[in-house]
């Protein structure tokens, strides 16, 4: 029973992080959009939530973009940590070690593909650059979400179900 409570707590933390991440990024993007439109002399209502707005009100666009990069790395690390902790609770020591290696390498491979797709898109027409950017963005979003540990855990479990 205690083991199930640990799993439940990790799942609830992952879900809460997911919503918190979306909340932060949506509001930072709304602030960036507002600042860009204001700089272009376009009238716009600032839709940034007041809780976030109070923290980022006087921050310029470049610093907001840098902050988004920092948050991306932070959330990627948090979801990596959740996957490792869940694996430690669920798998034997040897399977946990195997999972940790596969999970880490898999994340690095996905992020590398994301970066390569982004770089490749830079050499294409503007329309294709945008398309490649969004593919790259979705791959990086995958690493920054609960889907990353969930899919790796489920696939690893299904492959090793007889060993557990």
Protein backbone atom coordinates (compact mmCIF):
# COMPACT_ATOMS: atom_id res chain seq x y z
CA UNK A 1 0.00 0.00 0.00
CA UNK A 2 2.84 2.43 0.83
CA UNK A 3 4.35 1.75 -2.59
CA UNK A 4 1.09 2.71 -4.32
CA UNK A 5 0.97 5.95 -2.35
CA UNK A 6 4.49 6.78 -3.57
CA UNK A 7 3.39 6.19 -7.16
CA UNK A 8 0.29 8.30 -6.67
CA UNK A 9 2.29 11.16 -5.16
CA UNK A 10 4.75 11.13 -8.07
CA UNK A 11 1.91 11.10 -10.60
CA UNK A 12 0.15 14.00 -8.86
CA UNK A 13 3.42 15.97 -8.76
CA UNK A 14 3.97 15.31 -12.48
CA UNK A 15 0.44 16.47 -13.34
CA UNK A 16 0.74 19.60 -11.17
CA UNK A 17 4.11 20.42 -12.75
CA UNK A 18 2.54 20.03 -16.17
CA UNK A 19 -0.16 22.58 -15.40
CA UNK A 20 2.28 24.93 -13.69
CA UNK A 21 4.65 24.76 -16.66
CA UNK A 22 1.84 25.56 -19.11
CA UNK A 23 0.66 28.42 -16.90
CA UNK A 24 4.14 29.96 -16.78
CA UNK A 25 4.92 29.59 -20.47
CA UNK A 26 1.52 30.77 -21.68
CA UNK A 27 1.75 33.89 -19.56
CA UNK A 28 5.35 34.64 -20.48
CA UNK A 29 4.41 34.26 -24.15
CA UNK A 30 1.43 36.58 -23.65
CA UNK A 31 3.74 39.19 -22.11
CA UNK A 32 6.21 38.82 -25.00
CA UNK A 33 3.38 39.20 -27.49
CA UNK A 34 2.15 42.29 -25.69
CA UNK A 35 5.63 43.85 -25.63
CA UNK A 36 6.23 43.11 -29.32
CA UNK A 37 2.90 44.61 -30.34
CA UNK A 38 3.45 47.65 -28.14
CA UNK A 39 6.91 48.15 -29.69
CA UNK A 40 5.23 48.09 -33.13
CA UNK A 41 2.75 50.77 -31.99
CA UNK A 42 -0.18 48.37 -32.01
CA UNK A 43 -2.82 48.72 -29.36
CA UNK A 44 -3.32 45.58 -27.41
CA UNK A 45 -4.71 44.53 -24.07
CA UNK A 46 -2.18 42.72 -21.92
CA UNK A 47 -3.70 39.29 -21.26
CA UNK A 48 -0.90 38.16 -18.95
CA UNK A 49 -2.27 36.84 -15.67
CA UNK A 50 -1.84 39.40 -12.90
CA UNK A 51 0.10 36.97 -10.69
CA UNK A 52 2.77 36.49 -13.36
CA UNK A 53 2.54 40.05 -14.65
CA UNK A 54 3.59 41.44 -11.29
CA UNK A 55 6.88 39.50 -11.57
CA UNK A 56 7.66 40.14 -15.25
CA UNK A 57 6.10 43.56 -15.80
CA UNK A 58 9.37 45.45 -16.31
CA UNK A 59 11.35 42.67 -17.99
CA UNK A 60 12.34 43.10 -21.63
CA UNK A 61 11.75 40.55 -24.39
CA UNK A 62 15.32 39.21 -24.54
CA UNK A 63 15.35 38.52 -20.81
CA UNK A 64 11.94 36.84 -21.03
CA UNK A 65 13.24 34.60 -23.83
CA UNK A 66 16.31 33.76 -21.75
CA UNK A 67 14.05 32.99 -18.80
CA UNK A 68 12.03 30.63 -21.01
CA UNK A 69 15.23 28.75 -21.90
CA UNK A 70 16.12 28.43 -18.21
CA UNK A 71 12.60 27.18 -17.44
CA UNK A 72 12.80 24.69 -20.31
CA UNK A 73 15.99 23.20 -18.90
CA UNK A 74 14.55 23.19 -15.38
CA UNK A 75 11.35 21.40 -16.38
CA UNK A 76 13.28 18.89 -18.49
CA UNK A 77 15.43 18.08 -15.47
CA UNK A 78 12.39 17.83 -13.19
CA UNK A 79 10.67 15.34 -15.48
CA UNK A 80 13.91 13.40 -15.81
CA UNK A 81 14.11 13.29 -12.01
CA UNK A 82 10.49 12.10 -11.74
CA UNK A 83 11.21 9.28 -14.19
CA UNK A 84 14.33 8.23 -12.27
CA UNK A 85 12.54 8.31 -8.91
CA UNK A 86 9.59 6.32 -10.26
CA UNK A 87 11.98 3.80 -11.77
CA UNK A 88 13.84 3.49 -8.48
CA UNK A 89 10.58 2.72 -6.65
CA UNK A 90 9.26 0.32 -9.26
CA UNK A 91 12.15 -1.63 -10.78
CA UNK A 92 14.85 -3.82 -9.28
CA UNK A 93 18.30 -2.26 -8.90
CA UNK A 94 19.64 -3.75 -12.14
CA UNK A 95 16.54 -2.77 -14.13
CA UNK A 96 16.60 0.69 -12.58
CA UNK A 97 20.20 1.15 -13.73
CA UNK A 98 19.32 -0.02 -17.25
CA UNK A 99 16.26 2.21 -17.34
CA UNK A 100 18.24 5.24 -16.14
CA UNK A 101 20.78 4.85 -18.94
CA UNK A 102 18.12 4.33 -21.64
CA UNK A 103 16.01 7.18 -20.25
CA UNK A 104 18.93 9.62 -20.19
CA UNK A 105 20.26 8.66 -23.62
CA UNK A 106 16.73 8.71 -25.06
CA UNK A 107 16.17 12.24 -23.76
CA UNK A 108 19.49 13.43 -25.18
CA UNK A 109 18.70 11.84 -28.55
CA UNK A 110 15.26 13.49 -28.69
CA UNK A 111 16.71 16.89 -27.75
CA UNK A 112 19.48 16.44 -30.33
CA UNK A 113 16.94 15.63 -33.05
CA UNK A 114 14.95 18.67 -32.00
CA UNK A 115 18.02 20.88 -32.34
CA UNK A 116 19.06 19.33 -35.68
CA UNK A 117 15.57 19.78 -37.11
CA UNK A 118 15.63 23.41 -35.98
CA UNK A 119 19.07 24.00 -37.56
CA UNK A 120 18.10 22.23 -40.79
CA UNK A 121 14.95 24.35 -41.02
CA UNK A 122 17.05 27.52 -40.82
CA UNK A 123 18.37 26.74 -44.31
CA UNK A 124 14.91 26.50 -45.90
CA UNK A 125 12.30 28.99 -47.07
CA UNK A 126 10.48 31.02 -44.43
CA UNK A 127 7.37 28.82 -44.59
CA UNK A 128 9.42 25.65 -44.14
CA UNK A 129 11.52 27.29 -41.42
CA UNK A 130 8.33 27.83 -39.46
CA UNK A 131 7.19 24.24 -40.02
CA UNK A 132 10.54 22.83 -38.94
CA UNK A 133 10.59 25.16 -35.94
CA UNK A 134 7.23 23.82 -34.75
CA UNK A 135 8.35 20.20 -35.16
CA UNK A 136 11.48 21.03 -33.18
CA UNK A 137 9.40 22.83 -30.56
CA UNK A 138 7.06 19.85 -30.09
CA UNK A 139 9.99 17.49 -29.56
CA UNK A 140 11.40 19.78 -26.89
CA UNK A 141 7.93 20.11 -25.32
CA UNK A 142 7.80 16.33 -25.11
CA UNK A 143 10.94 16.29 -22.94
CA UNK A 144 9.43 19.04 -20.77
CA UNK A 145 6.26 17.10 -20.02
CA UNK A 146 5.08 14.07 -18.10
CA UNK A 147 4.85 12.20 -21.41
CA UNK A 148 8.62 11.81 -21.37
CA UNK A 149 8.87 9.67 -18.20
CA UNK A 150 5.49 7.99 -18.75
CA UNK A 151 6.27 6.67 -22.23
CA UNK A 152 9.76 5.53 -21.32
CA UNK A 153 8.49 3.83 -18.15
CA UNK A 154 5.64 2.06 -19.96
CA UNK A 155 7.81 0.88 -22.84
CA UNK A 156 10.58 -0.29 -20.51
CA UNK A 157 8.05 -2.04 -18.29
CA UNK A 158 6.39 -3.81 -21.22
CA UNK A 159 9.74 -5.04 -22.52
CA UNK A 160 10.86 -6.26 -19.07
CA UNK A 161 7.53 -7.44 -17.60
CA UNK A 162 8.72 -11.04 -17.20
CA UNK A 163 11.89 -9.93 -15.41
CA UNK A 164 10.07 -7.98 -12.70
